[in-house]
Amino acid sequence: MASGMNIEFKGLAQLEAKLKAETPEMKIAVMEIVKKNGSQMASKMRKNMQATYQHPTGRTKGSVAENYANAGFSVSVGPHTDYAPYLEYGTRFMSPRPTVRPAFLTQSAIFTSDLKKVFR
């Protein structure tokens, strides 16, 4: 993701500890949730960019990528153009055109709900 943009979930250490004590099926279910939500968040970002940018070239939209780590237990999603933070937060010459934060807020609620279902 472009520099200056970082969103982090709290409580991942507790989740990791719980997963270590769980069955392989539980771990697979969590990995599938991470993959599904990462993909959905990337799609939401691209859709937001199409609707928000006044003169889209498609470069930032095309740079949105999902990067998986920790054996599929974490995902980083975001645009990789150098100017993505300027589009998201604005400048003194340009008003903000948020696309990442709205996608994250929507998807984080879905992600949390999906995890709660697995741990019930």
PDB file of N, CA and C in Angstrom:
ATOM      1  N   MET A   1       0.854  -1.169   0.000  1.00  0.00           N
ATOM      2  CA  MET A   1       0.000   0.000   0.000  1.00  0.00           C
ATOM      3  C   MET A   1       0.898   1.230   0.000  1.00  0.00           C
ATOM      4  N   ALA A   2       0.412   2.309  -0.515  1.00  0.00           N
ATOM      5  CA  ALA A   2       1.188   3.535  -0.606  1.00  0.00           C
ATOM      6  C   ALA A   2       1.562   4.025   0.785  1.00  0.00           C
ATOM      7  N   SER A   3       2.698   4.698   0.897  1.00  0.00           N
ATOM      8  CA  SER A   3       3.136   5.180   2.192  1.00  0.00           C
ATOM      9  C   SER A   3       2.148   6.197   2.736  1.00  0.00           C
ATOM     10  N   GLY A   4       2.018   6.228   4.057  1.00  0.00           N
ATOM     11  CA  GLY A   4       1.114   7.166   4.696  1.00  0.00           C
ATOM     12  C   GLY A   4      -0.271   6.601   4.937  1.00  0.00           C
ATOM     13  N   MET A   5      -0.542   5.387   4.487  1.00  0.00           N
ATOM     14  CA  MET A   5      -1.848   4.777   4.673  1.00  0.00           C
ATOM     15  C   MET A   5      -1.656   3.424   5.343  1.00  0.00           C
ATOM     16  N   ASN A   6      -2.112   3.299   6.588  1.00  0.00           N
ATOM     17  CA  ASN A   6      -1.953   2.046   7.299  1.00  0.00           C
ATOM     18  C   ASN A   6      -3.114   1.864   8.255  1.00  0.00           C
ATOM     19  N   ILE A   7      -3.794   0.748   8.154  1.00  0.00           N
ATOM     20  CA  ILE A   7      -4.902   0.430   9.041  1.00  0.00           C
ATOM     21  C   ILE A   7      -4.575  -0.892   9.706  1.00  0.00           C
ATOM     22  N   GLU A   8      -4.745  -0.952  11.015  1.00  0.00           N
ATOM     23  CA  GLU A   8      -4.361  -2.141  11.752  1.00  0.00           C
ATOM     24  C   GLU A   8      -5.470  -2.549  12.711  1.00  0.00           C
ATOM     25  N   PHE A   9      -5.710  -3.854  12.799  1.00  0.00           N
ATOM     26  CA  PHE A   9      -6.673  -4.377  13.762  1.00  0.00           C
ATOM     27  C   PHE A   9      -5.981  -4.610  15.092  1.00  0.00           C
ATOM     28  N   LYS A  10      -6.669  -4.314  16.186  1.00  0.00           N
ATOM     29  CA  LYS A  10      -6.169  -4.606  17.527  1.00  0.00           C
ATOM     30  C   LYS A  10      -6.698  -5.970  17.942  1.00  0.00           C
ATOM     31  N   GLY A  11      -5.966  -6.652  18.816  1.00  0.00           N
ATOM     32  CA  GLY A  11      -6.423  -7.938  19.327  1.00  0.00           C
ATOM     33  C   GLY A  11      -5.969  -9.131  18.509  1.00  0.00           C
ATOM     34  N   LEU A  12      -5.045  -8.908  17.577  1.00  0.00           N
ATOM     35  CA  LEU A  12      -4.602 -10.018  16.747  1.00  0.00           C
ATOM     36  C   LEU A  12      -3.777 -11.033  17.540  1.00  0.00           C
ATOM     37  N   ALA A  13      -3.084 -10.586  18.582  1.00  0.00           N
ATOM     38  CA  ALA A  13      -2.315 -11.520  19.411  1.00  0.00           C
ATOM     39  C   ALA A  13      -3.257 -12.500  20.110  1.00  0.00           C
ATOM     40  N   GLN A  14      -4.385 -11.994  20.600  1.00  0.00           N
ATOM     41  CA  GLN A  14      -5.363 -12.854  21.255  1.00  0.00           C
ATOM     42  C   GLN A  14      -5.977 -13.838  20.249  1.00  0.00           C
ATOM     43  N   LEU A  15      -6.250 -13.349  19.048  1.00  0.00           N
ATOM     44  CA  LEU A  15      -6.795 -14.213  18.009  1.00  0.00           C
ATOM     45  C   LEU A  15      -5.792 -15.304  17.658  1.00  0.00           C
ATOM     46  N   GLU A  16      -4.540 -14.942  17.524  1.00  0.00           N
ATOM     47  CA  GLU A  16      -3.495 -15.914  17.196  1.00  0.00           C
ATOM     48  C   GLU A  16      -3.376 -16.972  18.285  1.00  0.00           C
ATOM     49  N   ALA A  17      -3.437 -16.552  19.546  1.00  0.00           N
ATOM     50  CA  ALA A  17      -3.362 -17.498  20.663  1.00  0.00           C
ATOM     51  C   ALA A  17      -4.550 -18.463  20.625  1.00  0.00           C
ATOM     52  N   LYS A  18      -5.720 -17.942  20.336  1.00  0.00           N
ATOM     53  CA  LYS A  18      -6.917 -18.786  20.257  1.00  0.00           C
ATOM     54  C   LYS A  18      -6.796 -19.778  19.107  1.00  0.00           C
ATOM     55  N   LEU A  19      -6.264 -19.323  17.975  1.00  0.00           N
ATOM     56  CA  LEU A  19      -6.119 -20.206  16.820  1.00  0.00           C
ATOM     57  C   LEU A  19      -5.131 -21.337  17.081  1.00  0.00           C
ATOM     58  N   LYS A  20      -4.101 -21.065  17.867  1.00  0.00           N
ATOM     59  CA  LYS A  20      -3.121 -22.110  18.176  1.00  0.00           C
ATOM     60  C   LYS A  20      -3.763 -23.255  18.949  1.00  0.00           C
ATOM     61  N   ALA A  21      -4.794 -22.939  19.709  1.00  0.00           N
ATOM     62  CA  ALA A  21      -5.471 -23.958  20.513  1.00  0.00           C
ATOM     63  C   ALA A  21      -6.608 -24.631  19.740  1.00  0.00           C
ATOM     64  N   GLU A  22      -6.935 -24.154  18.568  1.00  0.00           N
ATOM     65  CA  GLU A  22      -8.085 -24.668  17.816  1.00  0.00           C
ATOM     66  C   GLU A  22      -7.688 -25.763  16.825  1.00  0.00           C
ATOM     67  N   THR A  23      -8.684 -26.321  16.211  1.00  0.00           N
ATOM     68  CA  THR A  23      -8.523 -27.415  15.262  1.00  0.00           C
ATOM     69  C   THR A  23      -8.033 -26.894  13.908  1.00  0.00           C
ATOM     70  N   PRO A  24      -7.509 -27.798  13.089  1.00  0.00           N
ATOM     71  CA  PRO A  24      -7.101 -27.395  11.734  1.00  0.00           C
ATOM     72  C   PRO A  24      -8.275 -26.849  10.917  1.00  0.00           C
ATOM     73  N   GLU A  25      -9.465 -27.383  11.142  1.00  0.00           N
ATOM     74  CA  GLU A  25     -10.644 -26.897  10.424  1.00  0.00           C
ATOM     75  C   GLU A  25     -10.919 -25.431  10.746  1.00  0.00           C
ATOM     76  N   MET A  26     -10.728 -25.071  12.016  1.00  0.00           N
ATOM     77  CA  MET A  26     -10.939 -23.688  12.455  1.00  0.00           C
ATOM     78  C   MET A  26      -9.929 -22.768  11.765  1.00  0.00           C
ATOM     79  N   LYS A  27      -8.692 -23.208  11.688  1.00  0.00           N
ATOM     80  CA  LYS A  27      -7.660 -22.401  11.039  1.00  0.00           C
ATOM     81  C   LYS A  27      -7.976 -22.199   9.557  1.00  0.00           C
ATOM     82  N   ILE A  28      -8.430 -23.253   8.909  1.00  0.00           N
ATOM     83  CA  ILE A  28      -8.790 -23.154   7.490  1.00  0.00           C
ATOM     84  C   ILE A  28      -9.955 -22.190   7.310  1.00  0.00           C
ATOM     85  N   ALA A  29     -10.925 -22.253   8.203  1.00  0.00           N
ATOM     86  CA  ALA A  29     -12.081 -21.354   8.125  1.00  0.00           C
ATOM     87  C   ALA A  29     -11.647 -19.904   8.260  1.00  0.00           C
ATOM     88  N   VAL A  30     -10.724 -19.621   9.169  1.00  0.00           N
ATOM     89  CA  VAL A  30     -10.240 -18.250   9.359  1.00  0.00           C
ATOM     90  C   VAL A  30      -9.462 -17.787   8.131  1.00  0.00           C
ATOM     91  N   MET A  31      -8.624 -18.660   7.576  1.00  0.00           N
ATOM     92  CA  MET A  31      -7.874 -18.295   6.367  1.00  0.00           C
ATOM     93  C   MET A  31      -8.825 -17.977   5.219  1.00  0.00           C
ATOM     94  N   GLU A  32      -9.915 -18.737   5.096  1.00  0.00           N
ATOM     95  CA  GLU A  32     -10.904 -18.481   4.045  1.00  0.00           C
ATOM     96  C   GLU A  32     -11.605 -17.139   4.274  1.00  0.00           C
ATOM     97  N   ILE A  33     -11.875 -16.814   5.535  1.00  0.00           N
ATOM     98  CA  ILE A  33     -12.497 -15.523   5.861  1.00  0.00           C
ATOM     99  C   ILE A  33     -11.563 -14.378   5.494  1.00  0.00           C
ATOM    100  N   VAL A  34     -10.285 -14.519   5.821  1.00  0.00           N
ATOM    101  CA  VAL A  34      -9.305 -13.486   5.488  1.00  0.00           C
ATOM    102  C   VAL A  34      -9.241 -13.300   3.976  1.00  0.00           C
ATOM    103  N   LYS A  35      -9.190 -14.400   3.243  1.00  0.00           N
ATOM    104  CA  LYS A  35      -9.110 -14.322   1.780  1.00  0.00           C
ATOM    105  C   LYS A  35     -10.368 -13.681   1.195  1.00  0.00           C
ATOM    106  N   LYS A  36     -11.541 -14.115   1.653  1.00  0.00           N
ATOM    107  CA  LYS A  36     -12.805 -13.573   1.139  1.00  0.00           C
ATOM    108  C   LYS A  36     -12.909 -12.083   1.426  1.00  0.00           C
ATOM    109  N   ASN A  37     -12.604 -11.683   2.649  1.00  0.00           N
ATOM    110  CA  ASN A  37     -12.730 -10.276   3.018  1.00  0.00           C
ATOM    111  C   ASN A  37     -11.678  -9.407   2.344  1.00  0.00           C
ATOM    112  N   GLY A  38     -10.480  -9.929   2.146  1.00  0.00           N
ATOM    113  CA  GLY A  38      -9.454  -9.185   1.416  1.00  0.00           C
ATOM    114  C   GLY A  38      -9.882  -8.914  -0.014  1.00  0.00           C
ATOM    115  N   SER A  39     -10.425  -9.924  -0.650  1.00  0.00           N
ATOM    116  CA  SER A  39     -10.898  -9.784  -2.025  1.00  0.00           C
ATOM    117  C   SER A  39     -12.070  -8.814  -2.111  1.00  0.00           C
ATOM    118  N   GLN A  40     -13.010  -8.923  -1.167  1.00  0.00           N
ATOM    119  CA  GLN A  40     -14.161  -8.019  -1.168  1.00  0.00           C
ATOM    120  C   GLN A  40     -13.741  -6.572  -0.910  1.00  0.00           C
ATOM    121  N   MET A  41     -12.769  -6.381  -0.024  1.00  0.00           N
ATOM    122  CA  MET A  41     -12.314  -5.020   0.259  1.00  0.00           C
ATOM    123  C   MET A  41     -11.646  -4.408  -0.972  1.00  0.00           C
ATOM    124  N   ALA A  42     -10.838  -5.192  -1.666  1.00  0.00           N
ATOM    125  CA  ALA A  42     -10.201  -4.697  -2.896  1.00  0.00           C
ATOM    126  C   ALA A  42     -11.266  -4.314  -3.920  1.00  0.00           C
ATOM    127  N   SER A  43     -12.295  -5.128  -4.050  1.00  0.00           N
ATOM    128  CA  SER A  43     -13.382  -4.821  -4.993  1.00  0.00           C
ATOM    129  C   SER A  43     -14.106  -3.541  -4.606  1.00  0.00           C
ATOM    130  N   LYS A  44     -14.346  -3.362  -3.315  1.00  0.00           N
ATOM    131  CA  LYS A  44     -15.014  -2.144  -2.839  1.00  0.00           C
ATOM    132  C   LYS A  44     -14.164  -0.908  -3.128  1.00  0.00           C
ATOM    133  N   MET A  45     -12.853  -1.023  -2.917  1.00  0.00           N
ATOM    134  CA  MET A  45     -11.959   0.105  -3.206  1.00  0.00           C
ATOM    135  C   MET A  45     -12.026   0.474  -4.684  1.00  0.00           C
ATOM    136  N   ARG A  46     -11.948  -0.524  -5.537  1.00  0.00           N
ATOM    137  CA  ARG A  46     -11.996  -0.252  -6.989  1.00  0.00           C
ATOM    138  C   ARG A  46     -13.329   0.388  -7.382  1.00  0.00           C
ATOM    139  N   LYS A  47     -14.410  -0.122  -6.826  1.00  0.00           N
ATOM    140  CA  LYS A  47     -15.734   0.434  -7.122  1.00  0.00           C
ATOM    141  C   LYS A  47     -15.822   1.880  -6.631  1.00  0.00           C
ATOM    142  N   ASN A  48     -15.309   2.144  -5.432  1.00  0.00           N
ATOM    143  CA  ASN A  48     -15.296   3.515  -4.887  1.00  0.00           C
ATOM    144  C   ASN A  48     -14.481   4.439  -5.776  1.00  0.00           C
ATOM    145  N   MET A  49     -13.358   3.962  -6.278  1.00  0.00           N
ATOM    146  CA  MET A  49     -12.506   4.790  -7.130  1.00  0.00           C
ATOM    147  C   MET A  49     -13.213   5.139  -8.430  1.00  0.00           C
ATOM    148  N   GLN A  50     -13.929   4.188  -8.980  1.00  0.00           N
ATOM    149  CA  GLN A  50     -14.652   4.435 -10.224  1.00  0.00           C
ATOM    150  C   GLN A  50     -15.715   5.506 -10.013  1.00  0.00           C
ATOM    151  N   ALA A  51     -16.369   5.476  -8.854  1.00  0.00           N
ATOM    152  CA  ALA A  51     -17.459   6.420  -8.577  1.00  0.00           C
ATOM    153  C   ALA A  51     -16.969   7.773  -8.075  1.00  0.00           C
ATOM    154  N   THR A  52     -15.793   7.825  -7.447  1.00  0.00           N
ATOM    155  CA  THR A  52     -15.326   9.029  -6.759  1.00  0.00           C
ATOM    156  C   THR A  52     -14.423   9.916  -7.601  1.00  0.00           C
ATOM    157  N   TYR A  53     -13.541   9.330  -8.394  1.00  0.00           N
ATOM    158  CA  TYR A  53     -12.569  10.127  -9.133  1.00  0.00           C
ATOM    159  C   TYR A  53     -13.244  10.820 -10.311  1.00  0.00           C
ATOM    160  N   GLN A  54     -12.939  12.099 -10.479  1.00  0.00           N
ATOM    161  CA  GLN A  54     -13.581  12.905 -11.508  1.00  0.00           C
ATOM    162  C   GLN A  54     -13.108  12.541 -12.916  1.00  0.00           C
ATOM    163  N   HIS A  55     -11.818  12.358 -13.078  1.00  0.00           N
ATOM    164  CA  HIS A  55     -11.247  12.019 -14.379  1.00  0.00           C
ATOM    165  C   HIS A  55     -10.356  10.793 -14.210  1.00  0.00           C
ATOM    166  N   PRO A  56     -10.964   9.628 -14.000  1.00  0.00           N
ATOM    167  CA  PRO A  56     -10.144   8.450 -13.701  1.00  0.00           C
ATOM    168  C   PRO A  56      -9.333   7.976 -14.905  1.00  0.00           C
ATOM    169  N   THR A  57      -8.067   7.703 -14.643  1.00  0.00           N
ATOM    170  CA  THR A  57      -7.214   7.112 -15.676  1.00  0.00           C
ATOM    171  C   THR A  57      -7.171   5.602 -15.506  1.00  0.00           C
ATOM    172  N   GLY A  58      -7.520   5.145 -14.311  1.00  0.00           N
ATOM    173  CA  GLY A  58      -7.493   3.717 -14.020  1.00  0.00           C
ATOM    174  C   GLY A  58      -6.193   3.249 -13.406  1.00  0.00           C
ATOM    175  N   ARG A  59      -5.197   4.129 -13.320  1.00  0.00           N
ATOM    176  CA  ARG A  59      -3.889   3.721 -12.789  1.00  0.00           C
ATOM    177  C   ARG A  59      -3.975   3.341 -11.314  1.00  0.00           C
ATOM    178  N   THR A  60      -4.609   4.179 -10.497  1.00  0.00           N
ATOM    179  CA  THR A  60      -4.718   3.873  -9.072  1.00  0.00           C
ATOM    180  C   THR A  60      -5.644   2.680  -8.865  1.00  0.00           C
ATOM    181  N   LYS A  61      -6.745   2.663  -9.579  1.00  0.00           N
ATOM    182  CA  LYS A  61      -7.682   1.540  -9.485  1.00  0.00           C
ATOM    183  C   LYS A  61      -6.978   0.234  -9.855  1.00  0.00           C
ATOM    184  N   GLY A  62      -6.175   0.265 -10.893  1.00  0.00           N
ATOM    185  CA  GLY A  62      -5.436  -0.925 -11.319  1.00  0.00           C
ATOM    186  C   GLY A  62      -4.316  -1.317 -10.378  1.00  0.00           C
ATOM    187  N   SER A  63      -3.899  -0.390  -9.524  1.00  0.00           N
ATOM    188  CA  SER A  63      -2.805  -0.685  -8.596  1.00  0.00           C
ATOM    189  C   SER A  63      -3.278  -1.317  -7.290  1.00  0.00           C
ATOM    190  N   VAL A  64      -4.594  -1.384  -7.086  1.00  0.00           N
ATOM    191  CA  VAL A  64      -5.123  -1.996  -5.861  1.00  0.00           C
ATOM    192  C   VAL A  64      -4.776  -3.480  -5.880  1.00  0.00           C
ATOM    193  N   ALA A  65      -4.109  -3.925  -4.826  1.00  0.00           N
ATOM    194  CA  ALA A  65      -3.669  -5.317  -4.761  1.00  0.00           C
ATOM    195  C   ALA A  65      -3.876  -5.877  -3.366  1.00  0.00           C
ATOM    196  N   GLU A  66      -3.983  -7.182  -3.320  1.00  0.00           N
ATOM    197  CA  GLU A  66      -4.076  -7.916  -2.059  1.00  0.00           C
ATOM    198  C   GLU A  66      -2.752  -8.642  -1.851  1.00  0.00           C
ATOM    199  N   ASN A  67      -2.136  -8.441  -0.699  1.00  0.00           N
ATOM    200  CA  ASN A  67      -0.896  -9.127  -0.367  1.00  0.00           C
ATOM    201  C   ASN A  67      -1.127  -9.942   0.899  1.00  0.00           C
ATOM    202  N   TYR A  68      -1.014 -11.257   0.774  1.00  0.00           N
ATOM    203  CA  TYR A  68      -1.252 -12.160   1.897  1.00  0.00           C
ATOM    204  C   TYR A  68       0.060 -12.501   2.589  1.00  0.00           C
ATOM    205  N   ALA A  69      -0.015 -12.645   3.911  1.00  0.00           N
ATOM    206  CA  ALA A  69       1.163 -12.972   4.715  1.00  0.00           C
ATOM    207  C   ALA A  69       0.733 -13.870   5.872  1.00  0.00           C
ATOM    208  N   ASN A  70       1.697 -14.279   6.665  1.00  0.00           N
ATOM    209  CA  ASN A  70       1.441 -15.111   7.849  1.00  0.00           C
ATOM    210  C   ASN A  70       0.624 -16.340   7.500  1.00  0.00           C
ATOM    211  N   ALA A  71       1.031 -17.034   6.475  1.00  0.00           N
ATOM    212  CA  ALA A  71       0.383 -18.272   6.031  1.00  0.00           C
ATOM    213  C   ALA A  71      -1.093 -18.073   5.717  1.00  0.00           C
ATOM    214  N   GLY A  72      -1.457 -16.891   5.235  1.00  0.00           N
ATOM    215  CA  GLY A  72      -2.834 -16.622   4.869  1.00  0.00           C
ATOM    216  C   GLY A  72      -3.691 -16.067   5.981  1.00  0.00           C
ATOM    217  N   PHE A  73      -3.080 -15.768   7.124  1.00  0.00           N
ATOM    218  CA  PHE A  73      -3.839 -15.231   8.256  1.00  0.00           C
ATOM    219  C   PHE A  73      -3.887 -13.707   8.269  1.00  0.00           C
ATOM    220  N   SER A  74      -3.195 -13.060   7.348  1.00  0.00           N
ATOM    221  CA  SER A  74      -3.287 -11.603   7.264  1.00  0.00           C
ATOM    222  C   SER A  74      -3.249 -11.183   5.794  1.00  0.00           C
ATOM    223  N   VAL A  75      -3.883 -10.049   5.548  1.00  0.00           N
ATOM    224  CA  VAL A  75      -3.920  -9.514   4.197  1.00  0.00           C
ATOM    225  C   VAL A  75      -3.766  -8.005   4.264  1.00  0.00           C
ATOM    226  N   SER A  76      -3.020  -7.475   3.332  1.00  0.00           N
ATOM    227  CA  SER A  76      -2.853  -6.031   3.171  1.00  0.00           C
ATOM    228  C   SER A  76      -3.471  -5.678   1.826  1.00  0.00           C
ATOM    229  N   VAL A  77      -4.397  -4.745   1.848  1.00  0.00           N
ATOM    230  CA  VAL A  77      -5.107  -4.367   0.624  1.00  0.00           C
ATOM    231  C   VAL A  77      -4.973  -2.867   0.433  1.00  0.00           C
ATOM    232  N   GLY A  78      -4.633  -2.443  -0.766  1.00  0.00           N
ATOM    233  CA  GLY A  78      -4.579  -1.012  -1.014  1.00  0.00           C
ATOM    234  C   GLY A  78      -3.959  -0.663  -2.343  1.00  0.00           C
ATOM    235  N   PRO A  79      -4.073   0.605  -2.699  1.00  0.00           N
ATOM    236  CA  PRO A  79      -3.470   1.082  -3.943  1.00  0.00           C
ATOM    237  C   PRO A  79      -1.965   1.257  -3.786  1.00  0.00           C
ATOM    238  N   HIS A  80      -1.258   1.120  -4.882  1.00  0.00           N
ATOM    239  CA  HIS A  80       0.206   1.205  -4.838  1.00  0.00           C
ATOM    240  C   HIS A  80       0.773   2.326  -5.694  1.00  0.00           C
ATOM    241  N   THR A  81      -0.030   3.337  -6.005  1.00  0.00           N
ATOM    242  CA  THR A  81       0.516   4.492  -6.711  1.00  0.00           C
ATOM    243  C   THR A  81       1.075   5.457  -5.676  1.00  0.00           C
ATOM    244  N   ASP A  82       2.087   6.210  -6.059  1.00  0.00           N
ATOM    245  CA  ASP A  82       2.716   7.155  -5.131  1.00  0.00           C
ATOM    246  C   ASP A  82       1.750   8.245  -4.665  1.00  0.00           C
ATOM    247  N   TYR A  83       0.785   8.574  -5.496  1.00  0.00           N
ATOM    248  CA  TYR A  83      -0.106   9.689  -5.180  1.00  0.00           C
ATOM    249  C   TYR A  83      -1.423   9.255  -4.533  1.00  0.00           C
ATOM    250  N   ALA A  84      -1.589   7.975  -4.231  1.00  0.00           N
ATOM    251  CA  ALA A  84      -2.833   7.488  -3.615  1.00  0.00           C
ATOM    252  C   ALA A  84      -3.182   8.213  -2.312  1.00  0.00           C
ATOM    253  N   PRO A  85      -2.204   8.500  -1.437  1.00  0.00           N
ATOM    254  CA  PRO A  85      -2.559   9.232  -0.211  1.00  0.00           C
ATOM    255  C   PRO A  85      -3.123  10.627  -0.492  1.00  0.00           C
ATOM    256  N   TYR A  86      -2.649  11.276  -1.558  1.00  0.00           N
ATOM    257  CA  TYR A  86      -3.154  12.605  -1.895  1.00  0.00           C
ATOM    258  C   TYR A  86      -4.614  12.527  -2.342  1.00  0.00           C
ATOM    259  N   LEU A  87      -4.951  11.466  -3.078  1.00  0.00           N
ATOM    260  CA  LEU A  87      -6.338  11.277  -3.485  1.00  0.00           C
ATOM    261  C   LEU A  87      -7.219  10.984  -2.268  1.00  0.00           C
ATOM    262  N   GLU A  88      -6.720  10.154  -1.372  1.00  0.00           N
ATOM    263  CA  GLU A  88      -7.500   9.743  -0.196  1.00  0.00           C
ATOM    264  C   GLU A  88      -7.716  10.900   0.778  1.00  0.00           C
ATOM    265  N   TYR A  89      -6.663  11.646   1.065  1.00  0.00           N
ATOM    266  CA  TYR A  89      -6.727  12.683   2.100  1.00  0.00           C
ATOM    267  C   TYR A  89      -6.830  14.107   1.569  1.00  0.00           C
ATOM    268  N   GLY A  90      -6.568  14.298   0.284  1.00  0.00           N
ATOM    269  CA  GLY A  90      -6.615  15.630  -0.298  1.00  0.00           C
ATOM    270  C   GLY A  90      -5.318  16.387  -0.081  1.00  0.00           C
ATOM    271  N   THR A  91      -5.264  17.571  -0.660  1.00  0.00           N
ATOM    272  CA  THR A  91      -4.127  18.475  -0.496  1.00  0.00           C
ATOM    273  C   THR A  91      -4.706  19.870  -0.290  1.00  0.00           C
ATOM    274  N   ARG A  92      -3.850  20.848  -0.176  1.00  0.00           N
ATOM    275  CA  ARG A  92      -4.378  22.208  -0.036  1.00  0.00           C
ATOM    276  C   ARG A  92      -5.027  22.697  -1.335  1.00  0.00           C
ATOM    277  N   PHE A  93      -4.739  21.998  -2.439  1.00  0.00           N
ATOM    278  CA  PHE A  93      -5.309  22.371  -3.731  1.00  0.00           C
ATOM    279  C   PHE A  93      -6.461  21.459  -4.177  1.00  0.00           C
ATOM    280  N   MET A  94      -6.682  20.380  -3.436  1.00  0.00           N
ATOM    281  CA  MET A  94      -7.652  19.376  -3.869  1.00  0.00           C
ATOM    282  C   MET A  94      -8.357  18.790  -2.644  1.00  0.00           C
ATOM    283  N   SER A  95      -9.652  18.677  -2.715  1.00  0.00           N
ATOM    284  CA  SER A  95     -10.393  18.081  -1.604  1.00  0.00           C
ATOM    285  C   SER A  95     -10.192  16.564  -1.596  1.00  0.00           C
ATOM    286  N   PRO A  96     -10.354  15.937  -0.435  1.00  0.00           N
ATOM    287  CA  PRO A  96     -10.174  14.483  -0.348  1.00  0.00           C
ATOM    288  C   PRO A  96     -11.193  13.730  -1.193  1.00  0.00           C
ATOM    289  N   ARG A  97     -10.751  12.604  -1.693  1.00  0.00           N
ATOM    290  CA  ARG A  97     -11.624  11.693  -2.430  1.00  0.00           C
ATOM    291  C   ARG A  97     -11.449  10.298  -1.829  1.00  0.00           C
ATOM    292  N   PRO A  98     -11.980  10.123  -0.620  1.00  0.00           N
ATOM    293  CA  PRO A  98     -11.736   8.863   0.099  1.00  0.00           C
ATOM    294  C   PRO A  98     -12.345   7.648  -0.595  1.00  0.00           C
ATOM    295  N   THR A  99     -11.534   6.633  -0.716  1.00  0.00           N
ATOM    296  CA  THR A  99     -11.978   5.364  -1.289  1.00  0.00           C
ATOM    297  C   THR A  99     -11.536   4.186  -0.423  1.00  0.00           C
ATOM    298  N   VAL A 100     -10.377   4.312   0.206  1.00  0.00           N
ATOM    299  CA  VAL A 100      -9.834   3.237   1.030  1.00  0.00           C
ATOM    300  C   VAL A 100     -10.591   3.153   2.356  1.00  0.00           C
ATOM    301  N   ARG A 101     -10.716   4.263   3.045  1.00  0.00           N
ATOM    302  CA  ARG A 101     -11.355   4.261   4.364  1.00  0.00           C
ATOM    303  C   ARG A 101     -12.810   3.804   4.301  1.00  0.00           C
ATOM    304  N   PRO A 102     -13.634   4.294   3.370  1.00  0.00           N
ATOM    305  CA  PRO A 102     -15.009   3.794   3.310  1.00  0.00           C
ATOM    306  C   PRO A 102     -15.076   2.285   3.049  1.00  0.00           C
ATOM    307  N   ALA A 103     -14.200   1.787   2.188  1.00  0.00           N
ATOM    308  CA  ALA A 103     -14.172   0.342   1.924  1.00  0.00           C
ATOM    309  C   ALA A 103     -13.785  -0.416   3.184  1.00  0.00           C
ATOM    310  N   PHE A 104     -12.783   0.108   3.903  1.00  0.00           N
ATOM    311  CA  PHE A 104     -12.336  -0.553   5.134  1.00  0.00           C
ATOM    312  C   PHE A 104     -13.438  -0.566   6.181  1.00  0.00           C
ATOM    313  N   LEU A 105     -14.107   0.556   6.384  1.00  0.00           N
ATOM    314  CA  LEU A 105     -15.145   0.621   7.415  1.00  0.00           C
ATOM    315  C   LEU A 105     -16.274  -0.370   7.137  1.00  0.00           C
ATOM    316  N   THR A 106     -16.674  -0.465   5.899  1.00  0.00           N
ATOM    317  CA  THR A 106     -17.718  -1.416   5.526  1.00  0.00           C
ATOM    318  C   THR A 106     -17.237  -2.851   5.704  1.00  0.00           C
ATOM    319  N   GLN A 107     -16.056  -3.139   5.185  1.00  0.00           N
ATOM    320  CA  GLN A 107     -15.561  -4.512   5.193  1.00  0.00           C
ATOM    321  C   GLN A 107     -15.148  -4.970   6.581  1.00  0.00           C
ATOM    322  N   SER A 108     -14.662  -4.078   7.423  1.00  0.00           N
ATOM    323  CA  SER A 108     -14.234  -4.499   8.767  1.00  0.00           C
ATOM    324  C   SER A 108     -15.420  -5.013   9.579  1.00  0.00           C
ATOM    325  N   ALA A 109     -16.597  -4.429   9.392  1.00  0.00           N
ATOM    326  CA  ALA A 109     -17.793  -4.914  10.093  1.00  0.00           C
ATOM    327  C   ALA A 109     -18.150  -6.321   9.613  1.00  0.00           C
ATOM    328  N   ILE A 110     -18.039  -6.556   8.320  1.00  0.00           N
ATOM    329  CA  ILE A 110     -18.329  -7.883   7.758  1.00  0.00           C
ATOM    330  C   ILE A 110     -17.300  -8.897   8.246  1.00  0.00           C
ATOM    331  N   PHE A 111     -16.033  -8.504   8.250  1.00  0.00           N
ATOM    332  CA  PHE A 111     -14.945  -9.370   8.706  1.00  0.00           C
ATOM    333  C   PHE A 111     -15.151  -9.780  10.165  1.00  0.00           C
ATOM    334  N   THR A 112     -15.467  -8.809  11.005  1.00  0.00           N
ATOM    335  CA  THR A 112     -15.689  -9.090  12.425  1.00  0.00           C
ATOM    336  C   THR A 112     -16.865 -10.042  12.612  1.00  0.00           C
ATOM    337  N   SER A 113     -17.927  -9.799  11.881  1.00  0.00           N
ATOM    338  CA  SER A 113     -19.104 -10.670  11.953  1.00  0.00           C
ATOM    339  C   SER A 113     -18.762 -12.096  11.505  1.00  0.00           C
ATOM    340  N   ASP A 114     -18.013 -12.223  10.417  1.00  0.00           N
ATOM    341  CA  ASP A 114     -17.610 -13.543   9.925  1.00  0.00           C
ATOM    342  C   ASP A 114     -16.770 -14.288  10.956  1.00  0.00           C
ATOM    343  N   LEU A 115     -15.827 -13.586  11.602  1.00  0.00           N
ATOM    344  CA  LEU A 115     -14.997 -14.224  12.627  1.00  0.00           C
ATOM    345  C   LEU A 115     -15.816 -14.651  13.840  1.00  0.00           C
ATOM    346  N   LYS A 116     -16.744 -13.831  14.239  1.00  0.00           N
ATOM    347  CA  LYS A 116     -17.592 -14.183  15.393  1.00  0.00           C
ATOM    348  C   LYS A 116     -18.387 -15.461  15.113  1.00  0.00           C
ATOM    349  N   LYS A 117     -18.864 -15.616  13.895  1.00  0.00           N
ATOM    350  CA  LYS A 117     -19.617 -16.819  13.532  1.00  0.00           C
ATOM    351  C   LYS A 117     -18.751 -18.067  13.657  1.00  0.00           C
ATOM    352  N   VAL A 118     -17.484 -17.953  13.251  1.00  0.00           N
ATOM    353  CA  VAL A 118     -16.584 -19.106  13.319  1.00  0.00           C
ATOM    354  C   VAL A 118     -16.268 -19.484  14.760  1.00  0.00           C
ATOM    355  N   PHE A 119     -16.116 -18.503  15.612  1.00  0.00           N
ATOM    356  CA  PHE A 119     -15.714 -18.776  16.993  1.00  0.00           C
ATOM    357  C   PHE A 119     -16.875 -19.097  17.918  1.00  0.00           C
ATOM    358  N   ARG A 120     -18.092 -19.148  17.401  1.00  0.00           N
ATOM    359  CA  ARG A 120     -19.243 -19.541  18.232  1.00  0.00           C
ATOM    360  C   ARG A 120     -19.323 -21.016  18.380  1.00  0.00           C
TER     361      ARG A 120
END
